[in-house]
Amino acid sequence: MVCAVVGLGLMGGSFALATKNYFQKIIGIDHNKSHQKEALALGLVDEISSLKEASIVADVIVLAIPIRGIINALKELSEYNLKKESLIIDFGSTKETIVNECPKNIRKNLVASHPMAGTEYSGPQAAIADLYKNRVMVVCNIEESGENQLKKAFDIFKHLEMNIKIMDATEHDRHAAFISHMPHIVSFSIANAVLKQEDKEHIVTLAAGGFRDMSRLAKSNPHMWRDIFKENKKNLLNSIEAFKSELKKAEEMIKKEEWEKLCKWMETGNELHKIM
């Protein structure tokens, strides 16, 4: 099989690395010229092409690009003469918009997926061969995908040693807001709050594990996360309100010196890691 990977950054590059022995050839597609050169130099892909040219020969097309880019690519692919059994996998961080806007003539080709994996780094150099190993791959609205496309996609995910979870796209986006998107907003907030209060010397001197863990996500690509927040605005705002409510409770307990009550509140928070 021939695979075309659109987007040669962390997600696409890692997918290419992990499937080098699965596909006969991997074609890379990326608007960024430096990403093209780096991906070739690093051996992530066998050649560079355009989406139109790759769509003629590719059995599998992986869209590892921002959400709006995925939707534009799907519209572009709908105008090409794809093989009937071609599989399109998207790695979008939100799913509802993608499944709703996918052109009907290629909807059966699409398996809407979200790998719950990643790091705060980007670009082809960030690619990791085992990024997806033992991670969850959420697959949404499978009833709209073709039977053969689903089988082919699941075989690929099993090759990556991923755990497949089926979910409705709307539910996925609501859950992702709480578990992924809101934590990024919190991390950026912590980073900005500290930068406005502390000088660089004190940050370097006093920052220990807790601060580094909490602020790590603030190293993420702002442009990518801006687009994710935009696509999942309603769910993200709901998750921020829920977080603000809990932060307000903590603030009130501290103001009133309700230390035992605060302790109980923290013990409730401890429960989270018993189920993770």
C-alpha atoms as a PDB file:
ATOM      1  CA  MET A   1       0.000   0.000   0.000  1.00  0.00           C
ATOM      2  CA  VAL A   2       1.012   3.590  -0.624  1.00  0.00           C
ATOM      3  CA  CYS A   3       0.354   6.216   2.034  1.00  0.00           C
ATOM      4  CA  ALA A   4       0.290   9.993   1.663  1.00  0.00           C
ATOM      5  CA  VAL A   5       0.882  11.985   4.851  1.00  0.00           C
ATOM      6  CA  VAL A   6      -0.337  15.565   4.729  1.00  0.00           C
ATOM      7  CA  GLY A   7       1.476  17.611   7.376  1.00  0.00           C
ATOM      8  CA  LEU A   8       5.017  16.581   8.298  1.00  0.00           C
ATOM      9  CA  GLY A   9       5.173  17.905  11.847  1.00  0.00           C
ATOM     10  CA  LEU A  10       5.023  15.987  15.120  1.00  0.00           C
ATOM     11  CA  MET A  11       1.837  14.021  14.378  1.00  0.00           C
ATOM     12  CA  GLY A  12       2.346  13.318  10.690  1.00  0.00           C
ATOM     13  CA  GLY A  13       6.080  12.726  11.053  1.00  0.00           C
ATOM     14  CA  SER A  14       5.577  10.314  13.944  1.00  0.00           C
ATOM     15  CA  PHE A  15       2.916   8.425  11.996  1.00  0.00           C
ATOM     16  CA  ALA A  16       5.295   8.122   9.026  1.00  0.00           C
ATOM     17  CA  LEU A  17       8.114   6.851  11.254  1.00  0.00           C
ATOM     18  CA  ALA A  18       5.870   4.286  12.906  1.00  0.00           C
ATOM     19  CA  THR A  19       4.529   2.910   9.613  1.00  0.00           C
ATOM     20  CA  LYS A  20       7.744   2.755   7.547  1.00  0.00           C
ATOM     21  CA  ASN A  21       7.559  -1.043   7.549  1.00  0.00           C
ATOM     22  CA  TYR A  22       3.786  -1.145   7.060  1.00  0.00           C
ATOM     23  CA  PHE A  23       3.527   0.771   3.788  1.00  0.00           C
ATOM     24  CA  GLN A  24       5.475   0.159   0.593  1.00  0.00           C
ATOM     25  CA  LYS A  25       5.922   3.897   0.098  1.00  0.00           C
ATOM     26  CA  ILE A  26       5.164   7.030   2.110  1.00  0.00           C
ATOM     27  CA  ILE A  27       4.594  10.275   0.239  1.00  0.00           C
ATOM     28  CA  GLY A  28       4.973  13.537   2.146  1.00  0.00           C
ATOM     29  CA  ILE A  29       2.876  16.642   1.556  1.00  0.00           C
ATOM     30  CA  ASP A  30       3.519  19.944   3.319  1.00  0.00           C
ATOM     31  CA  HIS A  31       3.266  23.615   2.301  1.00  0.00           C
ATOM     32  CA  ASN A  32       6.337  24.396   4.414  1.00  0.00           C
ATOM     33  CA  LYS A  33       9.433  23.968   2.193  1.00  0.00           C
ATOM     34  CA  SER A  34      11.778  23.538   5.168  1.00  0.00           C
ATOM     35  CA  HIS A  35       9.507  20.806   6.557  1.00  0.00           C
ATOM     36  CA  GLN A  36       9.703  19.046   3.189  1.00  0.00           C
ATOM     37  CA  LYS A  37      13.511  19.087   3.208  1.00  0.00           C
ATOM     38  CA  GLU A  38      13.755  18.043   6.855  1.00  0.00           C
ATOM     39  CA  ALA A  39      11.284  15.176   6.429  1.00  0.00           C
ATOM     40  CA  LEU A  40      13.285  13.825   3.488  1.00  0.00           C
ATOM     41  CA  ALA A  41      16.615  14.281   5.288  1.00  0.00           C
ATOM     42  CA  LEU A  42      15.285  12.517   8.397  1.00  0.00           C
ATOM     43  CA  GLY A  43      13.905   9.650   6.345  1.00  0.00           C
ATOM     44  CA  LEU A  44      10.327  10.256   7.455  1.00  0.00           C
ATOM     45  CA  VAL A  45       9.019  10.030   3.894  1.00  0.00           C
ATOM     46  CA  ASP A  46      10.229   8.581   0.592  1.00  0.00           C
ATOM     47  CA  GLU A  47       9.268  11.521  -1.582  1.00  0.00           C
ATOM     48  CA  ILE A  48       7.474  14.870  -1.615  1.00  0.00           C
ATOM     49  CA  SER A  49       4.442  15.515  -3.785  1.00  0.00           C
ATOM     50  CA  SER A  50       1.244  17.553  -4.065  1.00  0.00           C
ATOM     51  CA  LEU A  51      -2.096  16.401  -2.701  1.00  0.00           C
ATOM     52  CA  LYS A  52      -3.522  16.121  -6.209  1.00  0.00           C
ATOM     53  CA  GLU A  53      -0.671  13.958  -7.495  1.00  0.00           C
ATOM     54  CA  ALA A  54      -0.544  11.816  -4.350  1.00  0.00           C
ATOM     55  CA  SER A  55      -4.308  11.190  -4.405  1.00  0.00           C
ATOM     56  CA  ILE A  56      -3.946   9.302  -7.689  1.00  0.00           C
ATOM     57  CA  VAL A  57      -1.655   6.613  -6.268  1.00  0.00           C
ATOM     58  CA  ALA A  58      -2.330   6.691  -2.512  1.00  0.00           C
ATOM     59  CA  ASP A  59      -4.350   3.931  -0.875  1.00  0.00           C
ATOM     60  CA  VAL A  60      -4.286   5.802   2.437  1.00  0.00           C
ATOM     61  CA  ILE A  61      -4.245   9.567   2.985  1.00  0.00           C
ATOM     62  CA  VAL A  62      -3.522  10.868   6.484  1.00  0.00           C
ATOM     63  CA  LEU A  63      -4.460  14.476   7.247  1.00  0.00           C
ATOM     64  CA  ALA A  64      -2.248  15.577  10.147  1.00  0.00           C
ATOM     65  CA  ILE A  65      -2.844  19.314   9.799  1.00  0.00           C
ATOM     66  CA  PRO A  66      -4.956  21.994  11.556  1.00  0.00           C
ATOM     67  CA  ILE A  67      -8.734  21.572  11.496  1.00  0.00           C
ATOM     68  CA  ARG A  68      -9.528  24.148   8.820  1.00  0.00           C
ATOM     69  CA  GLY A  69      -6.731  22.689   6.713  1.00  0.00           C
ATOM     70  CA  ILE A  70      -8.318  19.254   7.071  1.00  0.00           C
ATOM     71  CA  ILE A  71     -11.687  20.565   5.904  1.00  0.00           C
ATOM     72  CA  ASN A  72     -10.096  22.342   2.928  1.00  0.00           C
ATOM     73  CA  ALA A  73      -8.145  19.197   2.046  1.00  0.00           C
ATOM     74  CA  LEU A  74     -11.337  17.103   2.162  1.00  0.00           C
ATOM     75  CA  LYS A  75     -13.071  19.538  -0.197  1.00  0.00           C
ATOM     76  CA  GLU A  76     -10.067  19.382  -2.500  1.00  0.00           C
ATOM     77  CA  LEU A  77      -9.994  15.577  -2.407  1.00  0.00           C
ATOM     78  CA  SER A  78     -13.710  15.432  -3.228  1.00  0.00           C
ATOM     79  CA  GLU A  79     -12.883  16.957  -6.634  1.00  0.00           C
ATOM     80  CA  TYR A  80     -10.214  14.386  -7.485  1.00  0.00           C
ATOM     81  CA  ASN A  81     -10.664  10.912  -8.905  1.00  0.00           C
ATOM     82  CA  LEU A  82      -9.901   8.957  -5.736  1.00  0.00           C
ATOM     83  CA  LYS A  83      -9.771   5.185  -5.787  1.00  0.00           C
ATOM     84  CA  LYS A  84     -13.141   3.812  -4.662  1.00  0.00           C
ATOM     85  CA  GLU A  85     -11.557   2.059  -1.674  1.00  0.00           C
ATOM     86  CA  SER A  86      -9.190   4.901  -0.737  1.00  0.00           C
ATOM     87  CA  LEU A  87      -8.983   5.552   2.990  1.00  0.00           C
ATOM     88  CA  ILE A  88      -8.740   9.062   4.415  1.00  0.00           C
ATOM     89  CA  ILE A  89      -7.803   9.407   8.088  1.00  0.00           C
ATOM     90  CA  ASP A  90      -7.898  12.793   9.750  1.00  0.00           C
ATOM     91  CA  PHE A  91      -6.141  13.611  13.031  1.00  0.00           C
ATOM     92  CA  GLY A  92      -8.217  16.693  13.902  1.00  0.00           C
ATOM     93  CA  SER A  93      -8.430  17.663  17.580  1.00  0.00           C
ATOM     94  CA  THR A  94     -12.155  18.394  17.210  1.00  0.00           C
ATOM     95  CA  LYS A  95     -14.433  16.137  15.195  1.00  0.00           C
ATOM     96  CA  GLU A  96     -17.952  17.562  14.824  1.00  0.00           C
ATOM     97  CA  THR A  97     -17.048  20.269  12.300  1.00  0.00           C
ATOM     98  CA  ILE A  98     -14.980  17.849  10.244  1.00  0.00           C
ATOM     99  CA  VAL A  99     -17.654  15.130   9.965  1.00  0.00           C
ATOM    100  CA  ASN A 100     -20.343  17.725   9.256  1.00  0.00           C
ATOM    101  CA  GLU A 101     -18.381  19.530   6.548  1.00  0.00           C
ATOM    102  CA  CYS A 102     -16.857  16.513   4.829  1.00  0.00           C
ATOM    103  CA  PRO A 103     -18.215  16.373   1.234  1.00  0.00           C
ATOM    104  CA  LYS A 104     -20.817  13.637   0.888  1.00  0.00           C
ATOM    105  CA  ASN A 105     -19.156  11.991  -2.108  1.00  0.00           C
ATOM    106  CA  ILE A 106     -16.082  11.045  -0.016  1.00  0.00           C
ATOM    107  CA  ARG A 107     -17.705  10.642   3.403  1.00  0.00           C
ATOM    108  CA  LYS A 108     -17.406   6.832   3.261  1.00  0.00           C
ATOM    109  CA  ASN A 109     -13.694   7.210   2.548  1.00  0.00           C
ATOM    110  CA  LEU A 110     -13.162   9.194   5.751  1.00  0.00           C
ATOM    111  CA  VAL A 111     -12.476   7.615   9.131  1.00  0.00           C
ATOM    112  CA  ALA A 112     -12.655  10.558  11.543  1.00  0.00           C
ATOM    113  CA  SER A 113     -10.001   9.945  14.192  1.00  0.00           C
ATOM    114  CA  HIS A 114      -8.227  11.704  17.041  1.00  0.00           C
ATOM    115  CA  PRO A 115      -5.028  10.206  18.464  1.00  0.00           C
ATOM    116  CA  MET A 116      -4.755  11.089  22.146  1.00  0.00           C
ATOM    117  CA  ALA A 117      -1.024  11.589  21.898  1.00  0.00           C
ATOM    118  CA  GLY A 118       1.432  14.408  21.432  1.00  0.00           C
ATOM    119  CA  THR A 119       4.101  16.573  22.982  1.00  0.00           C
ATOM    120  CA  GLU A 120       4.626  20.316  23.307  1.00  0.00           C
ATOM    121  CA  TYR A 121       7.122  20.225  20.414  1.00  0.00           C
ATOM    122  CA  SER A 122       6.495  20.675  16.701  1.00  0.00           C
ATOM    123  CA  GLY A 123       8.112  20.197  13.304  1.00  0.00           C
ATOM    124  CA  PRO A 124       9.630  17.120  11.616  1.00  0.00           C
ATOM    125  CA  GLN A 125      12.482  16.988  14.169  1.00  0.00           C
ATOM    126  CA  ALA A 126       9.886  16.373  16.897  1.00  0.00           C
ATOM    127  CA  ALA A 127       8.732  13.098  15.292  1.00  0.00           C
ATOM    128  CA  ILE A 128       8.869  10.071  17.614  1.00  0.00           C
ATOM    129  CA  ALA A 129       8.546   6.496  16.324  1.00  0.00           C
ATOM    130  CA  ASP A 130       6.568   5.273  19.348  1.00  0.00           C
ATOM    131  CA  LEU A 131       4.434   8.401  19.897  1.00  0.00           C
ATOM    132  CA  TYR A 132       1.228   6.438  19.318  1.00  0.00           C
ATOM    133  CA  LYS A 133       2.165   3.218  21.098  1.00  0.00           C
ATOM    134  CA  ASN A 134      -0.300   2.273  23.864  1.00  0.00           C
ATOM    135  CA  ARG A 135      -2.220   5.522  23.342  1.00  0.00           C
ATOM    136  CA  VAL A 136      -5.935   5.882  22.622  1.00  0.00           C
ATOM    137  CA  MET A 137      -7.250   6.481  19.122  1.00  0.00           C
ATOM    138  CA  VAL A 138     -10.775   7.876  19.247  1.00  0.00           C
ATOM    139  CA  VAL A 139     -12.794   7.088  16.124  1.00  0.00           C
ATOM    140  CA  CYS A 140     -16.007   9.039  15.622  1.00  0.00           C
ATOM    141  CA  ASN A 141     -19.294   8.431  13.801  1.00  0.00           C
ATOM    142  CA  ILE A 142     -18.166   5.097  12.371  1.00  0.00           C
ATOM    143  CA  GLU A 143     -21.605   4.435  10.895  1.00  0.00           C
ATOM    144  CA  GLU A 144     -20.824   7.092   8.267  1.00  0.00           C
ATOM    145  CA  SER A 145     -17.566   5.438   7.176  1.00  0.00           C
ATOM    146  CA  GLY A 146     -17.238   2.625   4.666  1.00  0.00           C
ATOM    147  CA  GLU A 147     -16.837  -0.915   5.999  1.00  0.00           C
ATOM    148  CA  ASN A 148     -13.598  -1.547   4.095  1.00  0.00           C
ATOM    149  CA  GLN A 149     -12.190   1.835   5.094  1.00  0.00           C
ATOM    150  CA  LEU A 150     -12.900   1.143   8.758  1.00  0.00           C
ATOM    151  CA  LYS A 151     -11.238  -2.268   8.583  1.00  0.00           C
ATOM    152  CA  LYS A 152      -8.170  -0.795   6.908  1.00  0.00           C
ATOM    153  CA  ALA A 153      -7.972   2.058   9.444  1.00  0.00           C
ATOM    154  CA  PHE A 154      -8.336  -0.302  12.415  1.00  0.00           C
ATOM    155  CA  ASP A 155      -5.563  -2.518  11.015  1.00  0.00           C
ATOM    156  CA  ILE A 156      -3.281   0.532  10.865  1.00  0.00           C
ATOM    157  CA  PHE A 157      -4.178   1.599  14.404  1.00  0.00           C
ATOM    158  CA  LYS A 158      -3.482  -1.926  15.652  1.00  0.00           C
ATOM    159  CA  HIS A 159      -0.110  -1.853  13.892  1.00  0.00           C
ATOM    160  CA  LEU A 160       0.586   1.351  15.848  1.00  0.00           C
ATOM    161  CA  GLU A 161      -0.396  -0.622  18.989  1.00  0.00           C
ATOM    162  CA  MET A 162      -3.139   1.865  19.827  1.00  0.00           C
ATOM    163  CA  ASN A 163      -6.293   1.308  21.866  1.00  0.00           C
ATOM    164  CA  ILE A 164      -9.332   2.098  19.724  1.00  0.00           C
ATOM    165  CA  LYS A 165     -12.332   3.833  21.311  1.00  0.00           C
ATOM    166  CA  ILE A 166     -15.567   4.555  19.431  1.00  0.00           C
ATOM    167  CA  MET A 167     -17.326   7.839  20.191  1.00  0.00           C
ATOM    168  CA  ASP A 168     -19.884  10.274  18.836  1.00  0.00           C
ATOM    169  CA  ALA A 169     -18.234  13.403  17.405  1.00  0.00           C
ATOM    170  CA  THR A 170     -20.323  15.801  19.503  1.00  0.00           C
ATOM    171  CA  GLU A 171     -19.496  13.922  22.704  1.00  0.00           C
ATOM    172  CA  HIS A 172     -15.842  13.763  21.736  1.00  0.00           C
ATOM    173  CA  ASP A 173     -15.623  17.541  21.414  1.00  0.00           C
ATOM    174  CA  ARG A 174     -17.286  18.091  24.792  1.00  0.00           C
ATOM    175  CA  HIS A 175     -14.945  15.656  26.528  1.00  0.00           C
ATOM    176  CA  ALA A 176     -11.866  17.014  24.713  1.00  0.00           C
ATOM    177  CA  ALA A 177     -12.659  20.526  25.961  1.00  0.00           C
ATOM    178  CA  PHE A 178     -12.346  19.372  29.582  1.00  0.00           C
ATOM    179  CA  ILE A 179      -9.512  16.870  29.251  1.00  0.00           C
ATOM    180  CA  SER A 180      -7.302  18.527  26.635  1.00  0.00           C
ATOM    181  CA  HIS A 181      -8.304  22.040  25.594  1.00  0.00           C
ATOM    182  CA  MET A 182      -9.042  23.618  28.986  1.00  0.00           C
ATOM    183  CA  PRO A 183      -5.748  22.360  30.513  1.00  0.00           C
ATOM    184  CA  HIS A 184      -3.888  24.153  27.723  1.00  0.00           C
ATOM    185  CA  ILE A 185      -5.741  27.400  28.500  1.00  0.00           C
ATOM    186  CA  VAL A 186      -4.878  26.959  32.191  1.00  0.00           C
ATOM    187  CA  SER A 187      -1.213  26.353  31.370  1.00  0.00           C
ATOM    188  CA  PHE A 188      -1.010  29.466  29.191  1.00  0.00           C
ATOM    189  CA  SER A 189      -2.759  31.416  31.986  1.00  0.00           C
ATOM    190  CA  ILE A 190      -0.248  30.231  34.585  1.00  0.00           C
ATOM    191  CA  ALA A 191       2.659  31.146  32.308  1.00  0.00           C
ATOM    192  CA  ASN A 192       1.305  34.643  31.649  1.00  0.00           C
ATOM    193  CA  ALA A 193       0.444  35.262  35.320  1.00  0.00           C
ATOM    194  CA  VAL A 194       3.956  34.315  36.451  1.00  0.00           C
ATOM    195  CA  LEU A 195       5.651  36.322  33.710  1.00  0.00           C
ATOM    196  CA  LYS A 196       3.769  39.444  34.849  1.00  0.00           C
ATOM    197  CA  GLN A 197       4.720  38.981  38.516  1.00  0.00           C
ATOM    198  CA  GLU A 198       8.177  37.462  38.606  1.00  0.00           C
ATOM    199  CA  ASP A 199      11.485  38.368  36.983  1.00  0.00           C
ATOM    200  CA  LYS A 200      13.382  35.787  34.941  1.00  0.00           C
ATOM    201  CA  GLU A 201      16.023  35.204  37.613  1.00  0.00           C
ATOM    202  CA  HIS A 202      13.468  34.209  40.250  1.00  0.00           C
ATOM    203  CA  ILE A 203      11.571  32.015  37.809  1.00  0.00           C
ATOM    204  CA  VAL A 204      14.747  30.088  36.947  1.00  0.00           C
ATOM    205  CA  THR A 205      15.826  29.865  40.592  1.00  0.00           C
ATOM    206  CA  LEU A 206      12.547  28.799  42.177  1.00  0.00           C
ATOM    207  CA  ALA A 207      10.743  26.889  39.433  1.00  0.00           C
ATOM    208  CA  ALA A 208      10.626  23.234  40.477  1.00  0.00           C
ATOM    209  CA  GLY A 209       8.731  20.166  39.281  1.00  0.00           C
ATOM    210  CA  GLY A 210       5.252  21.455  40.080  1.00  0.00           C
ATOM    211  CA  PHE A 211       5.617  24.674  38.124  1.00  0.00           C
ATOM    212  CA  ARG A 212       7.360  22.932  35.234  1.00  0.00           C
ATOM    213  CA  ASP A 213       4.575  20.341  35.012  1.00  0.00           C
ATOM    214  CA  MET A 214       1.817  22.951  35.151  1.00  0.00           C
ATOM    215  CA  SER A 215       3.452  25.283  32.624  1.00  0.00           C
ATOM    216  CA  ARG A 216       4.741  22.627  30.191  1.00  0.00           C
ATOM    217  CA  LEU A 217       1.730  22.909  27.891  1.00  0.00           C
ATOM    218  CA  ALA A 218       2.400  26.630  27.480  1.00  0.00           C
ATOM    219  CA  LYS A 219       5.255  25.623  25.171  1.00  0.00           C
ATOM    220  CA  SER A 220       2.661  24.382  22.646  1.00  0.00           C
ATOM    221  CA  ASN A 221       2.177  26.010  19.250  1.00  0.00           C
ATOM    222  CA  PRO A 222      -0.067  29.087  19.779  1.00  0.00           C
ATOM    223  CA  HIS A 223      -1.325  29.166  16.180  1.00  0.00           C
ATOM    224  CA  MET A 224      -2.415  25.533  16.272  1.00  0.00           C
ATOM    225  CA  TRP A 225      -4.148  25.915  19.631  1.00  0.00           C
ATOM    226  CA  ARG A 226      -5.840  29.163  18.615  1.00  0.00           C
ATOM    227  CA  ASP A 227      -7.522  27.235  15.791  1.00  0.00           C
ATOM    228  CA  ILE A 228      -8.513  24.365  18.100  1.00  0.00           C
ATOM    229  CA  PHE A 229     -10.020  26.803  20.629  1.00  0.00           C
ATOM    230  CA  LYS A 230     -11.893  28.560  17.816  1.00  0.00           C
ATOM    231  CA  GLU A 231     -13.423  25.331  16.524  1.00  0.00           C
ATOM    232  CA  ASN A 232     -14.468  24.145  19.990  1.00  0.00           C
ATOM    233  CA  LYS A 233     -15.423  27.556  21.409  1.00  0.00           C
ATOM    234  CA  LYS A 234     -18.716  26.625  23.072  1.00  0.00           C
ATOM    235  CA  ASN A 235     -17.393  23.510  24.814  1.00  0.00           C
ATOM    236  CA  LEU A 236     -14.188  25.290  25.808  1.00  0.00           C
ATOM    237  CA  LEU A 237     -16.113  28.164  27.418  1.00  0.00           C
ATOM    238  CA  ASN A 238     -18.194  25.643  29.373  1.00  0.00           C
ATOM    239  CA  SER A 239     -15.063  23.918  30.638  1.00  0.00           C
ATOM    240  CA  ILE A 240     -13.489  27.263  31.615  1.00  0.00           C
ATOM    241  CA  GLU A 241     -16.629  28.135  33.597  1.00  0.00           C
ATOM    242  CA  ALA A 242     -16.424  24.805  35.421  1.00  0.00           C
ATOM    243  CA  PHE A 243     -12.753  25.439  36.230  1.00  0.00           C
ATOM    244  CA  LYS A 244     -13.479  28.986  37.406  1.00  0.00           C
ATOM    245  CA  SER A 245     -16.196  27.629  39.694  1.00  0.00           C
ATOM    246  CA  GLU A 246     -13.745  25.238  41.378  1.00  0.00           C
ATOM    247  CA  LEU A 247     -11.071  27.947  41.616  1.00  0.00           C
ATOM    248  CA  LYS A 248     -13.634  30.252  43.221  1.00  0.00           C
ATOM    249  CA  LYS A 249     -14.502  27.587  45.805  1.00  0.00           C
ATOM    250  CA  ALA A 250     -10.814  27.252  46.695  1.00  0.00           C
ATOM    251  CA  GLU A 251     -10.430  31.029  46.920  1.00  0.00           C
ATOM    252  CA  GLU A 252     -13.407  31.335  49.285  1.00  0.00           C
ATOM    253  CA  MET A 253     -12.192  28.517  51.529  1.00  0.00           C
ATOM    254  CA  ILE A 254      -8.748  30.138  51.782  1.00  0.00           C
ATOM    255  CA  LYS A 255     -10.245  33.584  52.508  1.00  0.00           C
ATOM    256  CA  LYS A 256     -12.414  32.122  55.268  1.00  0.00           C
ATOM    257  CA  GLU A 257      -9.549  29.959  56.555  1.00  0.00           C
ATOM    258  CA  GLU A 258     -11.647  26.820  56.168  1.00  0.00           C
ATOM    259  CA  TRP A 259      -8.595  24.609  56.092  1.00  0.00           C
ATOM    260  CA  GLU A 260     -10.288  21.282  56.813  1.00  0.00           C
ATOM    261  CA  LYS A 261     -12.900  21.976  54.166  1.00  0.00           C
ATOM    262  CA  LEU A 262     -10.098  22.865  51.742  1.00  0.00           C
ATOM    263  CA  CYS A 263      -8.351  19.599  52.599  1.00  0.00           C
ATOM    264  CA  LYS A 264     -11.518  17.611  51.825  1.00  0.00           C
ATOM    265  CA  TRP A 265     -11.823  19.483  48.523  1.00  0.00           C
ATOM    266  CA  MET A 266      -8.241  18.497  47.617  1.00  0.00           C
ATOM    267  CA  GLU A 267      -8.884  14.890  48.664  1.00  0.00           C
ATOM    268  CA  THR A 268     -11.755  14.821  46.181  1.00  0.00           C
ATOM    269  CA  GLY A 269      -9.301  15.984  43.531  1.00  0.00           C
ATOM    270  CA  ASN A 270      -6.999  13.086  44.469  1.00  0.00           C
ATOM    271  CA  GLU A 271      -9.695  10.698  43.204  1.00  0.00           C
ATOM    272  CA  LEU A 272      -8.934  11.652  39.607  1.00  0.00           C
ATOM    273  CA  HIS A 273      -5.606   9.824  39.525  1.00  0.00           C
ATOM    274  CA  LYS A 274      -7.166   6.651  40.917  1.00  0.00           C
ATOM    275  CA  ILE A 275      -9.061   6.228  37.650  1.00  0.00           C
ATOM    276  CA  MET A 276      -6.303   7.303  35.247  1.00  0.00           C
END
